Protein backbone atom coordinates (compact mmCIF):
# COMPACT_ATOMS: atom_id res chain seq x y z
CA MET A 1 -5.58 54.43 15.66
CA THR A 2 -2.62 52.49 17.06
CA ARG A 3 -2.91 49.23 18.90
CA ARG A 4 -1.40 48.88 22.34
CA ASN A 5 -1.16 45.09 22.15
CA PRO A 6 -0.54 42.77 19.21
CA PRO A 7 -3.77 41.30 17.80
CA ALA A 8 -4.87 37.99 19.27
CA SER A 9 -5.70 35.00 17.14
CA PRO A 10 -9.39 34.71 16.14
CA ALA A 11 -10.00 32.06 18.79
CA GLN A 12 -8.59 34.34 21.52
CA HIS A 13 -9.94 37.70 20.38
CA VAL A 14 -12.21 39.49 22.80
CA HIS A 15 -14.31 42.29 21.36
CA GLY A 16 -14.58 45.43 23.42
CA PRO A 17 -14.59 49.22 23.23
CA ASP A 18 -10.99 49.28 21.94
CA CYS A 19 -11.57 46.72 19.20
CA SER A 20 -10.46 48.33 15.95
CA HIS A 21 -10.16 45.58 13.37
CA ASP A 22 -12.59 44.76 10.57
CA HIS A 23 -14.68 41.80 11.69
CA ALA A 24 -15.84 41.01 8.16
CA HIS A 25 -12.30 39.93 7.26
CA ASP A 26 -11.52 38.16 10.53
CA PRO A 27 -11.33 34.44 9.61
CA ALA A 28 -12.71 31.96 12.09
CA PRO A 29 -10.66 28.82 12.79
CA ILE A 30 -11.48 25.90 10.53
CA GLY A 31 -14.47 24.03 11.92
CA ALA A 32 -15.30 26.76 14.44
CA HIS A 33 -18.76 28.20 14.69
CA LEU A 34 -19.37 31.52 16.39
CA HIS A 35 -22.93 32.13 17.52
CA GLY A 36 -24.36 35.58 17.12
CA PRO A 37 -27.33 37.55 15.82
CA ASP A 38 -26.63 36.51 12.20
CA CYS A 39 -26.22 32.82 13.04
CA ASP A 40 -28.25 30.58 10.72
CA HIS A 41 -26.92 27.32 12.19
CA ASP A 42 -29.36 24.64 13.38
CA HIS A 43 -28.91 24.58 17.15
CA ASP A 44 -31.23 21.60 17.67
CA HIS A 45 -28.80 19.04 16.25
CA ASP A 46 -27.61 16.01 18.21
CA HIS A 47 -24.00 16.18 19.38
CA GLY A 48 -23.99 12.38 19.47
CA GLY A 49 -22.09 9.94 21.58
CA GLU A 50 -22.84 8.41 24.92
CA THR A 51 -21.78 9.78 28.28
CA TYR A 52 -18.58 8.14 29.51
CA VAL A 53 -18.99 6.27 32.80
CA ARG A 54 -15.91 5.13 34.72
CA THR A 55 -15.86 1.57 36.05
CA GLU A 56 -13.42 2.56 38.84
CA PRO A 57 -12.93 5.87 40.65
CA LYS A 58 -10.55 8.34 39.02
CA ILE A 59 -7.07 8.41 40.55
CA GLN A 60 -6.54 11.74 42.30
CA ARG A 61 -3.12 13.42 42.45
CA ASN A 62 -2.65 12.81 46.19
CA ASP A 63 -3.80 9.17 46.14
CA PRO A 64 -1.18 6.42 46.47
CA CYS A 65 0.15 5.41 43.05
CA PRO A 66 -1.51 2.23 41.78
CA CYS A 67 1.90 0.84 40.72
CA GLY A 68 2.60 0.00 44.39
CA SER A 69 5.69 2.21 44.82
CA GLY A 70 4.29 3.85 47.95
CA LYS A 71 4.67 7.31 46.40
CA LYS A 72 1.83 9.69 45.71
CA TYR A 73 0.46 9.41 42.16
CA LYS A 74 1.54 13.00 41.38
CA LYS A 75 5.18 12.15 42.25
CA CYS A 76 5.22 8.80 40.47
CA HIS A 77 3.11 8.25 37.32
CA ASP A 78 1.08 11.48 36.90
CA PRO A 79 1.76 12.70 33.34
CA ASN A 80 1.29 16.30 34.55
CA GLY A 81 3.52 15.93 37.62
């Protein structure tokens, strides 16, 4: 059987009717846990940590930039802008 697309990495692989690789030899990323019918992992464990609560409202992209330039945040100091 020939593949139409190159194989995806284990984290991106989606199993379906055209899946042709051997899952027993498909390594999971280090530290990853895939849940399934053979999962023997304790699911009742505590993920720890406290919920983060902001002291001030989050700056939205269209809000004025807090630096005082008069520009929108997205055009001034937004790291994604």
